[in-house]
Each structure stands twice: as structure tokens, then as C-alpha cells.
Amino acid sequence: MTEIQQIEMHEIRKLLNAVEILAVRPAQCSENTIGEAVAYFKKLLIDRTNGLFSIELVVNGVVVADQEPVNECNH
């Protein structure tokens, strides 16, 4: 069984920022914004439910492999 990684406060802030952009300023939304929102939400859900629940991202009917959230500073 894999170890559940706890989500940290700075990651929760990134999640909230990405959701705000998607909800309030969708014209500013980028591929990275969507990726961060999905990845950090998945990490939050796993952390808060102690692994009981999880989500998978499906693009065009294909499950996208597990990935850590992208740090925009690494581009």
C-alpha cells in the first residue's frame, strides 16, 4: 500500500487560486491552471479521507497517469 502524502497549506492556497481563476476569470485559465486544480483537489481528497476516496482524470476516454502538481517555477 502506498503512503498517503499530506497536503500542505501552500498547496491548498494554490488549489484555491486555481479554482478562483476557473470560476471568476475563465479567460485567464491556462492548461496549467486546470492541471493544478485537478491535481491539488485529488491530493486534498485523498489526504482528508485518509485514502478512502480518490479521483482519476480522464481525457478523451483515457485515464491520465498519476502526476504530482506542476510547479510553475520549473517551466
N, C-alpha and C. Protein backbone atom coordinates (compact mmCIF):
# COMPACT_ATOMS: atom_id res chain seq x y z
N MET A 1 0.85 -1.19 0.00
CA MET A 1 0.00 0.00 0.00
C MET A 1 0.88 1.24 0.00
N THR A 2 0.52 2.22 -0.79
CA THR A 2 1.32 3.44 -0.88
C THR A 2 1.01 4.37 0.27
N GLU A 3 2.02 5.13 0.64
CA GLU A 3 1.86 6.09 1.73
C GLU A 3 1.07 7.30 1.24
N ILE A 4 0.14 7.76 2.06
CA ILE A 4 -0.68 8.92 1.71
C ILE A 4 0.10 10.18 2.05
N GLN A 5 0.31 11.02 1.04
CA GLN A 5 1.02 12.28 1.26
C GLN A 5 0.03 13.33 1.74
N GLN A 6 0.40 13.99 2.81
CA GLN A 6 -0.47 15.05 3.33
C GLN A 6 -0.32 16.29 2.47
N ILE A 7 -1.43 16.97 2.25
CA ILE A 7 -1.40 18.22 1.51
C ILE A 7 -0.99 19.33 2.46
N GLU A 8 -0.14 20.21 1.99
CA GLU A 8 0.36 21.31 2.82
C GLU A 8 -0.43 22.58 2.52
N MET A 9 -0.34 23.53 3.44
CA MET A 9 -1.14 24.76 3.32
C MET A 9 -0.84 25.52 2.04
N HIS A 10 0.41 25.58 1.61
CA HIS A 10 0.72 26.32 0.38
C HIS A 10 0.09 25.63 -0.84
N GLU A 11 -0.08 24.31 -0.77
CA GLU A 11 -0.74 23.59 -1.85
C GLU A 11 -2.24 23.87 -1.86
N ILE A 12 -2.83 24.00 -0.67
CA ILE A 12 -4.26 24.34 -0.58
C ILE A 12 -4.48 25.73 -1.15
N ARG A 13 -3.56 26.65 -0.88
CA ARG A 13 -3.69 28.01 -1.43
C ARG A 13 -3.62 27.98 -2.95
N LYS A 14 -2.73 27.15 -3.51
CA LYS A 14 -2.64 27.02 -4.97
C LYS A 14 -3.92 26.44 -5.54
N LEU A 15 -4.51 25.47 -4.84
CA LEU A 15 -5.79 24.90 -5.27
C LEU A 15 -6.87 25.97 -5.30
N LEU A 16 -6.98 26.74 -4.22
CA LEU A 16 -8.00 27.79 -4.14
C LEU A 16 -7.78 28.85 -5.21
N ASN A 17 -6.54 29.21 -5.48
CA ASN A 17 -6.25 30.19 -6.53
C ASN A 17 -6.67 29.66 -7.90
N ALA A 18 -6.35 28.40 -8.18
CA ALA A 18 -6.73 27.81 -9.47
C ALA A 18 -8.24 27.75 -9.62
N VAL A 19 -8.95 27.39 -8.56
CA VAL A 19 -10.42 27.33 -8.61
C VAL A 19 -10.99 28.73 -8.81
N GLU A 20 -10.41 29.74 -8.15
CA GLU A 20 -10.89 31.11 -8.34
C GLU A 20 -10.72 31.54 -9.79
N ILE A 21 -9.59 31.24 -10.40
CA ILE A 21 -9.38 31.60 -11.79
C ILE A 21 -10.40 30.90 -12.68
N LEU A 22 -10.63 29.61 -12.46
CA LEU A 22 -11.61 28.87 -13.25
C LEU A 22 -13.01 29.44 -13.09
N ALA A 23 -13.36 29.82 -11.87
CA ALA A 23 -14.74 30.25 -11.58
C ALA A 23 -14.99 31.71 -11.91
N VAL A 24 -14.02 32.57 -11.64
CA VAL A 24 -14.24 34.01 -11.73
C VAL A 24 -13.63 34.64 -12.98
N ARG A 25 -12.46 34.13 -13.39
CA ARG A 25 -11.75 34.71 -14.53
C ARG A 25 -11.38 33.63 -15.54
N PRO A 26 -12.36 32.95 -16.12
CA PRO A 26 -12.05 31.81 -17.00
C PRO A 26 -11.20 32.19 -18.23
N ALA A 27 -11.24 33.43 -18.65
CA ALA A 27 -10.43 33.84 -19.80
C ALA A 27 -8.93 33.79 -19.47
N GLN A 28 -8.59 33.84 -18.20
CA GLN A 28 -7.19 33.77 -17.77
C GLN A 28 -6.74 32.34 -17.49
N CYS A 29 -7.65 31.40 -17.64
CA CYS A 29 -7.36 30.00 -17.34
C CYS A 29 -6.43 29.41 -18.39
N SER A 30 -5.43 28.68 -17.94
CA SER A 30 -4.50 28.01 -18.83
C SER A 30 -4.54 26.51 -18.56
N GLU A 31 -3.82 25.78 -19.37
CA GLU A 31 -3.69 24.33 -19.16
C GLU A 31 -3.09 24.04 -17.79
N ASN A 32 -2.14 24.86 -17.37
CA ASN A 32 -1.53 24.67 -16.05
C ASN A 32 -2.52 24.92 -14.93
N THR A 33 -3.40 25.91 -15.10
CA THR A 33 -4.42 26.20 -14.09
C THR A 33 -5.33 25.00 -13.89
N ILE A 34 -5.78 24.41 -14.97
CA ILE A 34 -6.65 23.24 -14.88
C ILE A 34 -5.89 22.07 -14.26
N GLY A 35 -4.66 21.88 -14.67
CA GLY A 35 -3.84 20.80 -14.11
C GLY A 35 -3.63 20.95 -12.62
N GLU A 36 -3.34 22.18 -12.18
CA GLU A 36 -3.17 22.41 -10.74
C GLU A 36 -4.46 22.16 -9.98
N ALA A 37 -5.58 22.65 -10.51
CA ALA A 37 -6.86 22.47 -9.83
C ALA A 37 -7.16 20.99 -9.63
N VAL A 38 -6.99 20.21 -10.68
CA VAL A 38 -7.29 18.77 -10.60
C VAL A 38 -6.31 18.05 -9.69
N ALA A 39 -5.03 18.31 -9.86
CA ALA A 39 -4.01 17.59 -9.08
C ALA A 39 -4.09 17.91 -7.59
N TYR A 40 -4.25 19.19 -7.26
CA TYR A 40 -4.32 19.55 -5.84
C TYR A 40 -5.65 19.11 -5.22
N PHE A 41 -6.75 19.14 -5.98
CA PHE A 41 -8.01 18.64 -5.44
C PHE A 41 -7.90 17.15 -5.16
N LYS A 42 -7.29 16.42 -6.07
CA LYS A 42 -7.11 14.98 -5.86
C LYS A 42 -6.28 14.73 -4.60
N LYS A 43 -5.21 15.48 -4.43
CA LYS A 43 -4.35 15.31 -3.25
C LYS A 43 -5.12 15.67 -1.98
N LEU A 44 -5.92 16.75 -2.01
CA LEU A 44 -6.72 17.14 -0.86
C LEU A 44 -7.73 16.06 -0.50
N LEU A 45 -8.42 15.53 -1.49
CA LEU A 45 -9.43 14.50 -1.26
C LEU A 45 -8.80 13.24 -0.64
N ILE A 46 -7.68 12.81 -1.17
CA ILE A 46 -7.01 11.62 -0.63
C ILE A 46 -6.54 11.88 0.79
N ASP A 47 -5.96 13.06 1.05
CA ASP A 47 -5.47 13.39 2.37
C ASP A 47 -6.60 13.47 3.39
N ARG A 48 -7.66 14.18 3.06
CA ARG A 48 -8.73 14.40 4.03
C ARG A 48 -9.59 13.16 4.29
N THR A 49 -9.61 12.22 3.35
CA THR A 49 -10.38 10.99 3.56
C THR A 49 -9.48 9.81 3.92
N ASN A 50 -8.19 10.12 4.15
CA ASN A 50 -7.21 9.09 4.50
C ASN A 50 -7.16 7.98 3.46
N GLY A 51 -7.30 8.37 2.21
CA GLY A 51 -7.20 7.41 1.12
C GLY A 51 -8.47 6.65 0.79
N LEU A 52 -9.54 6.92 1.51
CA LEU A 52 -10.80 6.22 1.29
C LEU A 52 -11.39 6.56 -0.07
N PHE A 53 -11.25 7.83 -0.48
CA PHE A 53 -11.76 8.26 -1.78
C PHE A 53 -10.61 8.78 -2.63
N SER A 54 -10.76 8.61 -3.92
CA SER A 54 -9.79 9.13 -4.87
C SER A 54 -10.52 9.48 -6.15
N ILE A 55 -9.91 10.30 -6.98
CA ILE A 55 -10.48 10.63 -8.28
C ILE A 55 -9.42 10.36 -9.34
N GLU A 56 -9.85 10.10 -10.54
CA GLU A 56 -8.96 9.89 -11.67
C GLU A 56 -9.34 10.87 -12.77
N LEU A 57 -8.34 11.46 -13.40
CA LEU A 57 -8.57 12.37 -14.51
C LEU A 57 -8.63 11.56 -15.80
N VAL A 58 -9.71 11.75 -16.55
CA VAL A 58 -9.91 11.05 -17.82
C VAL A 58 -9.97 12.10 -18.92
N VAL A 59 -9.11 11.95 -19.92
CA VAL A 59 -9.09 12.86 -21.07
C VAL A 59 -9.36 12.05 -22.32
N ASN A 60 -10.42 12.38 -23.02
CA ASN A 60 -10.81 11.65 -24.23
C ASN A 60 -10.92 10.15 -23.99
N GLY A 61 -11.47 9.78 -22.84
CA GLY A 61 -11.70 8.38 -22.52
C GLY A 61 -10.48 7.63 -22.02
N VAL A 62 -9.36 8.32 -21.82
CA VAL A 62 -8.13 7.68 -21.35
C VAL A 62 -7.78 8.23 -19.98
N VAL A 63 -7.52 7.32 -19.02
CA VAL A 63 -7.13 7.75 -17.68
C VAL A 63 -5.71 8.30 -17.76
N VAL A 64 -5.55 9.53 -17.26
CA VAL A 64 -4.24 10.17 -17.24
C VAL A 64 -3.47 9.64 -16.03
N ALA A 65 -2.21 9.31 -16.24
CA ALA A 65 -1.38 8.74 -15.17
C ALA A 65 -1.26 9.70 -14.00
N ASP A 66 -1.07 9.14 -12.80
CA ASP A 66 -0.88 9.96 -11.61
C ASP A 66 0.34 10.83 -11.78
N GLN A 67 0.16 12.11 -11.48
CA GLN A 67 1.27 13.05 -11.56
C GLN A 67 1.16 14.00 -10.39
N GLU A 68 2.32 14.45 -9.93
CA GLU A 68 2.33 15.49 -8.91
C GLU A 68 1.93 16.80 -9.57
N PRO A 69 1.37 17.72 -8.81
CA PRO A 69 1.04 19.02 -9.36
C PRO A 69 2.28 19.70 -9.94
N VAL A 70 2.07 20.43 -11.02
CA VAL A 70 3.18 21.10 -11.69
C VAL A 70 3.52 22.38 -10.94
N ASN A 71 4.81 22.57 -10.68
CA ASN A 71 5.28 23.80 -10.08
C ASN A 71 5.64 24.74 -11.21
N GLU A 72 4.90 25.84 -11.34
CA GLU A 72 5.10 26.72 -12.48
C GLU A 72 6.49 27.34 -12.51
N CYS A 73 7.22 27.32 -11.41
CA CYS A 73 8.58 27.85 -11.38
C CYS A 73 9.54 26.94 -12.14
N ASN A 74 9.16 25.71 -12.39
CA ASN A 74 10.04 24.76 -13.06
C ASN A 74 9.90 24.77 -14.57
N HIS A 75 9.12 25.67 -15.14
CA HIS A 75 8.92 25.69 -16.59
C HIS A 75 10.08 26.34 -17.28
